[in-house]
PDB file of N, CA and C in Angstrom:
ATOM      1  N   UNK A   1      90.783 104.832  68.583  1.00  0.00           N
ATOM      2  CA  UNK A   1      91.733 103.732  68.413  1.00  0.00           C
ATOM      3  C   UNK A   1      92.960 104.030  69.285  1.00  0.00           C
ATOM      4  N   UNK A   2      93.273 103.127  70.160  1.00  0.00           N
ATOM      5  CA  UNK A   2      94.447 103.318  71.004  1.00  0.00           C
ATOM      6  C   UNK A   2      95.678 102.703  70.337  1.00  0.00           C
ATOM      7  N   UNK A   3      96.813 102.890  70.951  1.00  0.00           N
ATOM      8  CA  UNK A   3      98.082 102.472  70.361  1.00  0.00           C
ATOM      9  C   UNK A   3      98.177 100.954  70.225  1.00  0.00           C
ATOM     10  N   UNK A   4      97.614 100.207  71.159  1.00  0.00           N
ATOM     11  CA  UNK A   4      97.673  98.742  71.078  1.00  0.00           C
ATOM     12  C   UNK A   4      96.896  98.217  69.885  1.00  0.00           C
ATOM     13  N   UNK A   5      95.735  98.780  69.647  1.00  0.00           N
ATOM     14  CA  UNK A   5      94.946  98.361  68.487  1.00  0.00           C
ATOM     15  C   UNK A   5      95.656  98.735  67.191  1.00  0.00           C
ATOM     16  N   UNK A   6      96.251  99.921  67.166  1.00  0.00           N
ATOM     17  CA  UNK A   6      96.989 100.353  65.981  1.00  0.00           C
ATOM     18  C   UNK A   6      98.176  99.433  65.699  1.00  0.00           C
ATOM     19  N   UNK A   7      98.925  99.073  66.719  1.00  0.00           N
ATOM     20  CA  UNK A   7     100.077  98.196  66.540  1.00  0.00           C
ATOM     21  C   UNK A   7      99.651  96.803  66.087  1.00  0.00           C
ATOM     22  N   UNK A   8      98.558  96.304  66.622  1.00  0.00           N
ATOM     23  CA  UNK A   8      98.049  95.009  66.202  1.00  0.00           C
ATOM     24  C   UNK A   8      97.669  95.043  64.725  1.00  0.00           C
ATOM     25  N   UNK A   9      97.017  96.104  64.286  1.00  0.00           N
ATOM     26  CA  UNK A   9      96.632  96.269  62.887  1.00  0.00           C
ATOM     27  C   UNK A   9      97.868  96.403  61.997  1.00  0.00           C
ATOM     28  N   UNK A  10      98.860  97.147  62.445  1.00  0.00           N
ATOM     29  CA  UNK A  10     100.087  97.334  61.668  1.00  0.00           C
ATOM     30  C   UNK A  10     100.844  96.015  61.524  1.00  0.00           C
ATOM     31  N   UNK A  11     100.886  95.219  62.571  1.00  0.00           N
ATOM     32  CA  UNK A  11     101.555  93.921  62.488  1.00  0.00           C
ATOM     33  C   UNK A  11     100.853  93.009  61.491  1.00  0.00           C
ATOM     34  N   UNK A  12      99.544  93.032  61.490  1.00  0.00           N
ATOM     35  CA  UNK A  12      98.783  92.206  60.560  1.00  0.00           C
ATOM     36  C   UNK A  12      99.070  92.608  59.121  1.00  0.00           C
ATOM     37  N   UNK A  13      99.017  93.909  58.834  1.00  0.00           N
ATOM     38  CA  UNK A  13      99.251  94.369  57.456  1.00  0.00           C
ATOM     39  C   UNK A  13     100.686  94.112  57.009  1.00  0.00           C
ATOM     40  N   UNK A  14     101.639  94.306  57.903  1.00  0.00           N
ATOM     41  CA  UNK A  14     103.030  94.058  57.518  1.00  0.00           C
ATOM     42  C   UNK A  14     103.265  92.568  57.260  1.00  0.00           C
ATOM     43  N   UNK A  15     102.631  91.703  58.037  1.00  0.00           N
ATOM     44  CA  UNK A  15     102.742  90.265  57.808  1.00  0.00           C
ATOM     45  C   UNK A  15     102.154  89.888  56.447  1.00  0.00           C
ATOM     46  N   UNK A  16     101.027  90.456  56.109  1.00  0.00           N
ATOM     47  CA  UNK A  16     100.416  90.187  54.814  1.00  0.00           C
ATOM     48  C   UNK A  16     101.292  90.666  53.661  1.00  0.00           C
ATOM     49  N   UNK A  17     101.866  91.849  53.786  1.00  0.00           N
ATOM     50  CA  UNK A  17     102.724  92.389  52.734  1.00  0.00           C
ATOM     51  C   UNK A  17     103.968  91.527  52.556  1.00  0.00           C
ATOM     52  N   UNK A  18     104.594  91.130  53.640  1.00  0.00           N
ATOM     53  CA  UNK A  18     105.781  90.290  53.555  1.00  0.00           C
ATOM     54  C   UNK A  18     105.435  88.923  52.980  1.00  0.00           C
ATOM     55  N   UNK A  19     104.330  88.341  53.390  1.00  0.00           N
ATOM     56  CA  UNK A  19     103.915  87.040  52.878  1.00  0.00           C
ATOM     57  C   UNK A  19     103.619  87.079  51.388  1.00  0.00           C
ATOM     58  N   UNK A  20     102.893  88.086  50.943  1.00  0.00           N
ATOM     59  CA  UNK A  20     102.580  88.204  49.516  1.00  0.00           C
ATOM     60  C   UNK A  20     103.834  88.458  48.707  1.00  0.00           C
ATOM     61  N   UNK A  21     104.740  89.296  49.217  1.00  0.00           N
ATOM     62  CA  UNK A  21     105.999  89.549  48.519  1.00  0.00           C
ATOM     63  C   UNK A  21     106.819  88.270  48.392  1.00  0.00           C
ATOM     64  N   UNK A  22     106.876  87.477  49.453  1.00  0.00           N
ATOM     65  CA  UNK A  22     107.608  86.218  49.416  1.00  0.00           C
ATOM     66  C   UNK A  22     107.032  85.283  48.365  1.00  0.00           C
ATOM     67  N   UNK A  23     105.712  85.172  48.321  1.00  0.00           N
ATOM     68  CA  UNK A  23     105.072  84.290  47.339  1.00  0.00           C
ATOM     69  C   UNK A  23     105.346  84.774  45.914  1.00  0.00           C
ATOM     70  N   UNK A  24     105.304  86.078  45.693  1.00  0.00           N
ATOM     71  CA  UNK A  24     105.579  86.614  44.354  1.00  0.00           C
ATOM     72  C   UNK A  24     107.023  86.364  43.926  1.00  0.00           C
ATOM     73  N   UNK A  25     107.974  86.555  44.827  1.00  0.00           N
ATOM     74  CA  UNK A  25     109.386  86.313  44.498  1.00  0.00           C
ATOM     75  C   UNK A  25     109.613  84.827  44.235  1.00  0.00           C
ATOM     76  N   UNK A  26     109.027  83.970  45.032  1.00  0.00           N
ATOM     77  CA  UNK A  26     109.168  82.535  44.836  1.00  0.00           C
ATOM     78  C   UNK A  26     108.559  82.103  43.499  1.00  0.00           C
ATOM     79  N   UNK A  27     107.416  82.640  43.159  1.00  0.00           N
ATOM     80  CA  UNK A  27     106.780  82.325  41.882  1.00  0.00           C
ATOM     81  C   UNK A  27     107.653  82.780  40.719  1.00  0.00           C
ATOM     82  N   UNK A  28     108.216  83.983  40.820  1.00  0.00           N
ATOM     83  CA  UNK A  28     109.096  84.494  39.768  1.00  0.00           C
ATOM     84  C   UNK A  28     110.337  83.607  39.615  1.00  0.00           C
ATOM     85  N   UNK A  29     110.914  83.198  40.720  1.00  0.00           N
ATOM     86  CA  UNK A  29     112.141  82.405  40.669  1.00  0.00           C
ATOM     87  C   UNK A  29     111.906  81.006  40.118  1.00  0.00           C
ATOM     88  N   UNK A  30     110.717  80.469  40.308  1.00  0.00           N
ATOM     89  CA  UNK A  30     110.444  79.096  39.876  1.00  0.00           C
ATOM     90  C   UNK A  30     109.627  79.017  38.590  1.00  0.00           C
ATOM     91  N   UNK A  31     109.379  80.157  37.941  1.00  0.00           N
ATOM     92  CA  UNK A  31     108.602  80.163  36.695  1.00  0.00           C
ATOM     93  C   UNK A  31     109.379  79.433  35.606  1.00  0.00           C
ATOM     94  N   UNK A  32     108.798  78.406  34.975  1.00  0.00           N
ATOM     95  CA  UNK A  32     109.531  77.566  34.022  1.00  0.00           C
ATOM     96  C   UNK A  32     110.109  78.316  32.824  1.00  0.00           C
ATOM     97  N   UNK A  33     109.424  79.304  32.306  1.00  0.00           N
ATOM     98  CA  UNK A  33     109.919  79.994  31.115  1.00  0.00           C
ATOM     99  C   UNK A  33     111.131  80.881  31.404  1.00  0.00           C
ATOM    100  N   UNK A  34     111.423  81.165  32.663  1.00  0.00           N
ATOM    101  CA  UNK A  34     112.570  82.001  33.028  1.00  0.00           C
ATOM    102  C   UNK A  34     113.812  81.189  33.366  1.00  0.00           C
ATOM    103  N   UNK A  35     113.730  79.878  33.290  1.00  0.00           N
ATOM    104  CA  UNK A  35     114.837  79.028  33.691  1.00  0.00           C
ATOM    105  C   UNK A  35     116.084  79.279  32.843  1.00  0.00           C
ATOM    106  N   UNK A  36     115.917  79.471  31.537  1.00  0.00           N
ATOM    107  CA  UNK A  36     117.090  79.693  30.683  1.00  0.00           C
ATOM    108  C   UNK A  36     117.799  80.992  31.058  1.00  0.00           C
ATOM    109  N   UNK A  37     117.047  82.015  31.424  1.00  0.00           N
ATOM    110  CA  UNK A  37     117.653  83.286  31.835  1.00  0.00           C
ATOM    111  C   UNK A  37     118.458  83.110  33.120  1.00  0.00           C
ATOM    112  N   UNK A  38     117.915  82.335  34.061  1.00  0.00           N
ATOM    113  CA  UNK A  38     118.617  82.108  35.323  1.00  0.00           C
ATOM    114  C   UNK A  38     119.847  81.224  35.123  1.00  0.00           C
ATOM    115  N   UNK A  39     119.747  80.244  34.228  1.00  0.00           N
ATOM    116  CA  UNK A  39     120.908  79.393  33.942  1.00  0.00           C
ATOM    117  C   UNK A  39     122.042  80.211  33.339  1.00  0.00           C
ATOM    118  N   UNK A  40     121.711  81.112  32.427  1.00  0.00           N
ATOM    119  CA  UNK A  40     122.730  81.971  31.818  1.00  0.00           C
ATOM    120  C   UNK A  40     123.358  82.902  32.853  1.00  0.00           C
ATOM    121  N   UNK A  41     122.546  83.442  33.728  1.00  0.00           N
ATOM    122  CA  UNK A  41     123.065  84.328  34.774  1.00  0.00           C
ATOM    123  C   UNK A  41     123.939  83.572  35.765  1.00  0.00           C
ATOM    124  N   UNK A  42     123.638  82.308  36.010  1.00  0.00           N
ATOM    125  CA  UNK A  42     124.448  81.514  36.934  1.00  0.00           C
ATOM    126  C   UNK A  42     125.825  81.214  36.364  1.00  0.00           C
ATOM    127  N   UNK A  43     125.931  81.113  35.045  1.00  0.00           N
ATOM    128  CA  UNK A  43     127.212  80.813  34.408  1.00  0.00           C
ATOM    129  C   UNK A  43     128.045  82.059  34.154  1.00  0.00           C
ATOM    130  N   UNK A  44     127.472  83.224  34.297  1.00  0.00           N
ATOM    131  CA  UNK A  44     128.166  84.471  33.986  1.00  0.00           C
ATOM    132  C   UNK A  44     129.470  84.675  34.769  1.00  0.00           C
ATOM    133  N   UNK A  45     129.528  84.419  36.073  1.00  0.00           N
ATOM    134  CA  UNK A  45     130.785  84.634  36.801  1.00  0.00           C
ATOM    135  C   UNK A  45     131.912  83.687  36.383  1.00  0.00           C
ATOM    136  N   UNK A  46     131.574  82.563  35.775  1.00  0.00           N
ATOM    137  CA  UNK A  46     132.579  81.570  35.423  1.00  0.00           C
ATOM    138  C   UNK A  46     133.162  81.774  34.017  1.00  0.00           C
ATOM    139  N   UNK A  47     132.563  82.702  33.257  1.00  0.00           N
ATOM    140  CA  UNK A  47     133.066  82.951  31.908  1.00  0.00           C
ATOM    141  C   UNK A  47     134.390  83.702  31.954  1.00  0.00           C
ATOM    142  N   UNK A  48     135.275  83.325  31.069  1.00  0.00           N
ATOM    143  CA  UNK A  48     136.543  84.039  30.950  1.00  0.00           C
ATOM    144  C   UNK A  48     136.516  84.802  29.635  1.00  0.00           C
ATOM    145  N   UNK A  49     136.453  86.104  29.741  1.00  0.00           N
ATOM    146  CA  UNK A  49     136.412  86.950  28.534  1.00  0.00           C
ATOM    147  C   UNK A  49     137.765  87.559  28.245  1.00  0.00           C
TER     148      UNK A  49
END
């Protein structure tokens, strides 16, 4: 295996890892049961304690 083939393989795997990570983060952020947690976290900076 020469360096060009190795780099091509590395680019493919890194693209897959980044794509899957993006999909997982997007799914987590848009999951309906977590909306109340995100709403509470969004209001946290505006609270005056």
